[in-house]
Each structure stands twice: as C-alpha cells, then as structure tokens.
C-alpha cells in the first residue's frame, strides 16, 4: 500500500490517510437553539489525537470554518504547534462560500455557524497560515490544471 500520494499537480505529497477534523469542532448551536455540529468533545483528547497522528504517518489534516464555527481550526493549530511545518492542512471557508452563493439565490437561507469574514481570517490565523493572498488564490487554478 502506498503511504503517500500527490496532492494536485504542485509537487506536494500527503499521507494516503488523512485526519478529518470535523469531530474536533465540537458542539455548536444555530440561532434558533437547535444543536449543530458533532456534539460535546474533549479538546484535550482532540489535541492528543492530533499530536499522535504524525507519529503514525499522517501528514494531511482536513478542517473548515464550518466545523464548530472555527473551533476545529483553532484546536488543530494549537495541537500541531511546532510540527505545523511538517503538516499539510486543507481548510475551507465553507460558510463564507455558502454565504456568497446564497446571497445570489432567489431564496434566503440561514447559514449556521457563519459569523463574518473576519472570523474566517482569524480561524486561518490560528493555523499560522493567514488568509490566502490574491496571488495564492490564482495559483489554485494552476495547481489544479485549469
């Protein structure tokens, strides 16, 4: 079995098995009080799991602003600490993208967890990567061969 795989066409190698971070986002509530997200999660247990993953060969971590309204990104950033340089982190601005799409939709749809673009910037900062620049966003198409 292969232990690594290429990520796109940019020469980045990632572990064949990634670490999905939705669950470490924990619980969240919609504006109407309805429960969202994964439910109660012990942050220290999440940190231990993230810190163990590289020892098992995991270099790829998938997270998003929608996972606990950014809580997943903050826990992941704290857990990786000095090992951040050895990890490939895929994050998404899912709620932001949905807000953009739904703003152009004929229907109004509430977006659970979305607070602001500033929140998305703060979440990305927790990963010590900051937001993508315009040049980096343009580079995404090139890496995907578009």
C-alpha atoms as a PDB file:
ATOM      1  CA  UNK A   1       0.000   0.000   0.000  1.00  0.00           C
ATOM      2  CA  UNK A   2       1.245   3.482  -0.833  1.00  0.00           C
ATOM      3  CA  UNK A   3       1.887   5.627   2.226  1.00  0.00           C
ATOM      4  CA  UNK A   4       1.879   8.959   0.384  1.00  0.00           C
ATOM      5  CA  UNK A   5       0.110  10.440  -2.590  1.00  0.00           C
ATOM      6  CA  UNK A   6       0.466  13.580  -4.666  1.00  0.00           C
ATOM      7  CA  UNK A   7      -1.917  16.403  -3.832  1.00  0.00           C
ATOM      8  CA  UNK A   8      -2.824  18.015  -7.132  1.00  0.00           C
ATOM      9  CA  UNK A   9      -0.057  18.819  -9.584  1.00  0.00           C
ATOM     10  CA  UNK A  10       2.059  21.144  -7.484  1.00  0.00           C
ATOM     11  CA  UNK A  11       4.511  18.559  -6.164  1.00  0.00           C
ATOM     12  CA  UNK A  12       3.023  18.342  -2.668  1.00  0.00           C
ATOM     13  CA  UNK A  13       2.981  14.842  -1.145  1.00  0.00           C
ATOM     14  CA  UNK A  14       0.500  13.952   1.587  1.00  0.00           C
ATOM     15  CA  UNK A  15      -0.184  10.832   3.589  1.00  0.00           C
ATOM     16  CA  UNK A  16      -2.527   8.346   1.916  1.00  0.00           C
ATOM     17  CA  UNK A  17      -4.664   8.500   5.066  1.00  0.00           C
ATOM     18  CA  UNK A  18      -5.709  11.928   6.286  1.00  0.00           C
ATOM     19  CA  UNK A  19      -7.046  13.201   9.595  1.00  0.00           C
ATOM     20  CA  UNK A  20     -10.568  14.610   9.286  1.00  0.00           C
ATOM     21  CA  UNK A  21     -11.197  17.320  11.869  1.00  0.00           C
ATOM     22  CA  UNK A  22     -14.970  17.754  11.751  1.00  0.00           C
ATOM     23  CA  UNK A  23     -15.443  15.950  15.060  1.00  0.00           C
ATOM     24  CA  UNK A  24     -12.941  18.126  16.934  1.00  0.00           C
ATOM     25  CA  UNK A  25     -15.077  21.153  16.069  1.00  0.00           C
ATOM     26  CA  UNK A  26     -17.356  20.129  18.915  1.00  0.00           C
ATOM     27  CA  UNK A  27     -20.846  21.331  19.526  1.00  0.00           C
ATOM     28  CA  UNK A  28     -22.499  24.447  18.244  1.00  0.00           C
ATOM     29  CA  UNK A  29     -25.992  25.874  18.219  1.00  0.00           C
ATOM     30  CA  UNK A  30     -27.967  27.535  15.469  1.00  0.00           C
ATOM     31  CA  UNK A  31     -29.545  30.926  16.101  1.00  0.00           C
ATOM     32  CA  UNK A  32     -32.814  29.153  16.944  1.00  0.00           C
ATOM     33  CA  UNK A  33     -31.072  26.994  19.573  1.00  0.00           C
ATOM     34  CA  UNK A  34     -31.050  23.796  17.528  1.00  0.00           C
ATOM     35  CA  UNK A  35     -27.902  21.707  18.040  1.00  0.00           C
ATOM     36  CA  UNK A  36     -25.403  21.625  15.190  1.00  0.00           C
ATOM     37  CA  UNK A  37     -22.042  20.031  14.720  1.00  0.00           C
ATOM     38  CA  UNK A  38     -20.628  16.939  16.275  1.00  0.00           C
ATOM     39  CA  UNK A  39     -21.652  17.317  19.902  1.00  0.00           C
ATOM     40  CA  UNK A  40     -19.579  17.560  23.051  1.00  0.00           C
ATOM     41  CA  UNK A  41     -15.894  16.853  22.504  1.00  0.00           C
ATOM     42  CA  UNK A  42     -12.964  16.902  24.930  1.00  0.00           C
ATOM     43  CA  UNK A  43     -10.449  19.366  23.453  1.00  0.00           C
ATOM     44  CA  UNK A  44      -7.526  17.762  25.283  1.00  0.00           C
ATOM     45  CA  UNK A  45      -8.413  14.366  23.810  1.00  0.00           C
ATOM     46  CA  UNK A  46      -8.554  16.005  20.371  1.00  0.00           C
ATOM     47  CA  UNK A  47      -5.117  17.568  20.933  1.00  0.00           C
ATOM     48  CA  UNK A  48      -3.682  14.174  21.937  1.00  0.00           C
ATOM     49  CA  UNK A  49      -5.138  12.542  18.804  1.00  0.00           C
ATOM     50  CA  UNK A  50      -3.742  15.256  16.501  1.00  0.00           C
ATOM     51  CA  UNK A  51      -0.326  15.042  18.157  1.00  0.00           C
ATOM     52  CA  UNK A  52      -0.274  11.246  17.765  1.00  0.00           C
ATOM     53  CA  UNK A  53      -1.274  11.298  14.083  1.00  0.00           C
ATOM     54  CA  UNK A  54       2.159  12.339  12.670  1.00  0.00           C
ATOM     55  CA  UNK A  55       3.787   9.532  14.678  1.00  0.00           C
ATOM     56  CA  UNK A  56       1.525   7.166  12.725  1.00  0.00           C
ATOM     57  CA  UNK A  57       2.487   8.701   9.375  1.00  0.00           C
ATOM     58  CA  UNK A  58      -0.379  11.157   8.943  1.00  0.00           C
ATOM     59  CA  UNK A  59       0.687  14.432   7.318  1.00  0.00           C
ATOM     60  CA  UNK A  60      -2.654  15.584   5.876  1.00  0.00           C
ATOM     61  CA  UNK A  61      -5.294  17.299   8.030  1.00  0.00           C
ATOM     62  CA  UNK A  62      -8.696  18.422   6.725  1.00  0.00           C
ATOM     63  CA  UNK A  63     -10.622  21.141   8.562  1.00  0.00           C
ATOM     64  CA  UNK A  64     -13.022  24.016   7.834  1.00  0.00           C
ATOM     65  CA  UNK A  65     -14.503  27.139   9.341  1.00  0.00           C
ATOM     66  CA  UNK A  66     -17.832  25.329   9.465  1.00  0.00           C
ATOM     67  CA  UNK A  67     -16.509  22.729  11.913  1.00  0.00           C
ATOM     68  CA  UNK A  68     -17.596  24.225  15.215  1.00  0.00           C
ATOM     69  CA  UNK A  69     -17.532  27.798  13.858  1.00  0.00           C
ATOM     70  CA  UNK A  70     -13.739  27.634  13.585  1.00  0.00           C
ATOM     71  CA  UNK A  71     -13.126  25.682  16.787  1.00  0.00           C
ATOM     72  CA  UNK A  72     -11.656  22.773  14.805  1.00  0.00           C
ATOM     73  CA  UNK A  73      -9.100  25.080  13.154  1.00  0.00           C
ATOM     74  CA  UNK A  74      -8.104  26.595  16.493  1.00  0.00           C
ATOM     75  CA  UNK A  75      -7.685  23.203  18.206  1.00  0.00           C
ATOM     76  CA  UNK A  76      -5.731  21.852  15.221  1.00  0.00           C
ATOM     77  CA  UNK A  77      -3.419  24.880  15.186  1.00  0.00           C
ATOM     78  CA  UNK A  78      -2.740  24.539  18.923  1.00  0.00           C
ATOM     79  CA  UNK A  79      -2.197  20.780  18.694  1.00  0.00           C
ATOM     80  CA  UNK A  80       0.210  20.869  15.758  1.00  0.00           C
ATOM     81  CA  UNK A  81       2.346  23.541  17.391  1.00  0.00           C
ATOM     82  CA  UNK A  82       5.956  23.200  16.242  1.00  0.00           C
ATOM     83  CA  UNK A  83       5.043  20.278  13.970  1.00  0.00           C
ATOM     84  CA  UNK A  84       2.926  22.607  11.813  1.00  0.00           C
ATOM     85  CA  UNK A  85       5.696  22.882   9.214  1.00  0.00           C
ATOM     86  CA  UNK A  86       5.552  19.103   8.656  1.00  0.00           C
ATOM     87  CA  UNK A  87       1.779  19.044   8.108  1.00  0.00           C
ATOM     88  CA  UNK A  88      -0.366  19.822   5.084  1.00  0.00           C
ATOM     89  CA  UNK A  89      -3.576  21.453   6.266  1.00  0.00           C
ATOM     90  CA  UNK A  90      -6.582  21.752   3.975  1.00  0.00           C
ATOM     91  CA  UNK A  91      -9.080  24.255   5.265  1.00  0.00           C
ATOM     92  CA  UNK A  92     -12.122  25.699   3.622  1.00  0.00           C
ATOM     93  CA  UNK A  93     -14.175  28.796   4.018  1.00  0.00           C
ATOM     94  CA  UNK A  94     -17.335  26.789   3.569  1.00  0.00           C
ATOM     95  CA  UNK A  95     -19.700  29.086   5.384  1.00  0.00           C
ATOM     96  CA  UNK A  96     -18.249  32.093   3.607  1.00  0.00           C
ATOM     97  CA  UNK A  97     -18.696  30.391   0.228  1.00  0.00           C
ATOM     98  CA  UNK A  98     -22.256  29.409   1.096  1.00  0.00           C
ATOM     99  CA  UNK A  99     -22.987  32.981   2.124  1.00  0.00           C
ATOM    100  CA  UNK A 100     -21.751  34.189  -1.262  1.00  0.00           C
ATOM    101  CA  UNK A 101     -23.837  31.617  -3.151  1.00  0.00           C
ATOM    102  CA  UNK A 102     -26.974  32.116  -1.121  1.00  0.00           C
ATOM    103  CA  UNK A 103     -26.712  35.899  -1.403  1.00  0.00           C
ATOM    104  CA  UNK A 104     -27.216  35.349  -5.122  1.00  0.00           C
ATOM    105  CA  UNK A 105     -30.032  32.849  -4.654  1.00  0.00           C
ATOM    106  CA  UNK A 106     -33.722  33.700  -5.004  1.00  0.00           C
ATOM    107  CA  UNK A 107     -34.254  32.268  -1.520  1.00  0.00           C
ATOM    108  CA  UNK A 108     -32.910  33.473   1.816  1.00  0.00           C
ATOM    109  CA  UNK A 109     -31.228  30.657   3.712  1.00  0.00           C
ATOM    110  CA  UNK A 110     -29.784  30.900   7.241  1.00  0.00           C
ATOM    111  CA  UNK A 111     -26.140  29.870   7.461  1.00  0.00           C
ATOM    112  CA  UNK A 112     -25.422  28.067  10.741  1.00  0.00           C
ATOM    113  CA  UNK A 113     -22.097  28.995  12.284  1.00  0.00           C
ATOM    114  CA  UNK A 114     -21.155  31.827   9.924  1.00  0.00           C
ATOM    115  CA  UNK A 115     -20.243  34.980  11.754  1.00  0.00           C
ATOM    116  CA  UNK A 116     -18.074  37.106   9.461  1.00  0.00           C
ATOM    117  CA  UNK A 117     -15.182  37.217   7.028  1.00  0.00           C
ATOM    118  CA  UNK A 118     -13.106  38.487   9.966  1.00  0.00           C
ATOM    119  CA  UNK A 119     -13.885  35.218  11.785  1.00  0.00           C
ATOM    120  CA  UNK A 120     -12.644  33.212   8.809  1.00  0.00           C
ATOM    121  CA  UNK A 121      -9.433  35.289   8.752  1.00  0.00           C
ATOM    122  CA  UNK A 122      -8.968  34.709  12.499  1.00  0.00           C
ATOM    123  CA  UNK A 123      -9.521  30.964  12.109  1.00  0.00           C
ATOM    124  CA  UNK A 124      -6.942  30.772   9.322  1.00  0.00           C
ATOM    125  CA  UNK A 125      -4.550  32.754  11.518  1.00  0.00           C
ATOM    126  CA  UNK A 126      -4.911  30.084  14.207  1.00  0.00           C
ATOM    127  CA  UNK A 127      -3.324  27.687  11.741  1.00  0.00           C
ATOM    128  CA  UNK A 128      -0.401  30.117  11.385  1.00  0.00           C
ATOM    129  CA  UNK A 129      -1.067  30.358   7.668  1.00  0.00           C
ATOM    130  CA  UNK A 130      -3.111  33.516   7.423  1.00  0.00           C
ATOM    131  CA  UNK A 131      -5.574  34.106   4.647  1.00  0.00           C
ATOM    132  CA  UNK A 132      -4.699  33.344   1.068  1.00  0.00           C
ATOM    133  CA  UNK A 133      -3.491  36.288  -0.972  1.00  0.00           C
ATOM    134  CA  UNK A 134      -4.938  37.067  -4.403  1.00  0.00           C
ATOM    135  CA  UNK A 135      -1.791  35.570  -5.957  1.00  0.00           C
ATOM    136  CA  UNK A 136      -2.251  32.340  -3.978  1.00  0.00           C
ATOM    137  CA  UNK A 137      -5.907  32.116  -4.945  1.00  0.00           C
ATOM    138  CA  UNK A 138      -4.899  32.486  -8.602  1.00  0.00           C
ATOM    139  CA  UNK A 139      -2.307  29.750  -8.094  1.00  0.00           C
ATOM    140  CA  UNK A 140      -5.028  27.275  -7.052  1.00  0.00           C
ATOM    141  CA  UNK A 141      -6.319  27.084 -10.629  1.00  0.00           C
ATOM    142  CA  UNK A 142      -2.809  26.454 -11.937  1.00  0.00           C
ATOM    143  CA  UNK A 143      -2.223  23.650  -9.416  1.00  0.00           C
ATOM    144  CA  UNK A 144      -5.495  22.034 -10.426  1.00  0.00           C
ATOM    145  CA  UNK A 145      -4.508  22.227 -14.082  1.00  0.00           C
ATOM    146  CA  UNK A 146      -7.269  24.653 -15.055  1.00  0.00           C
END
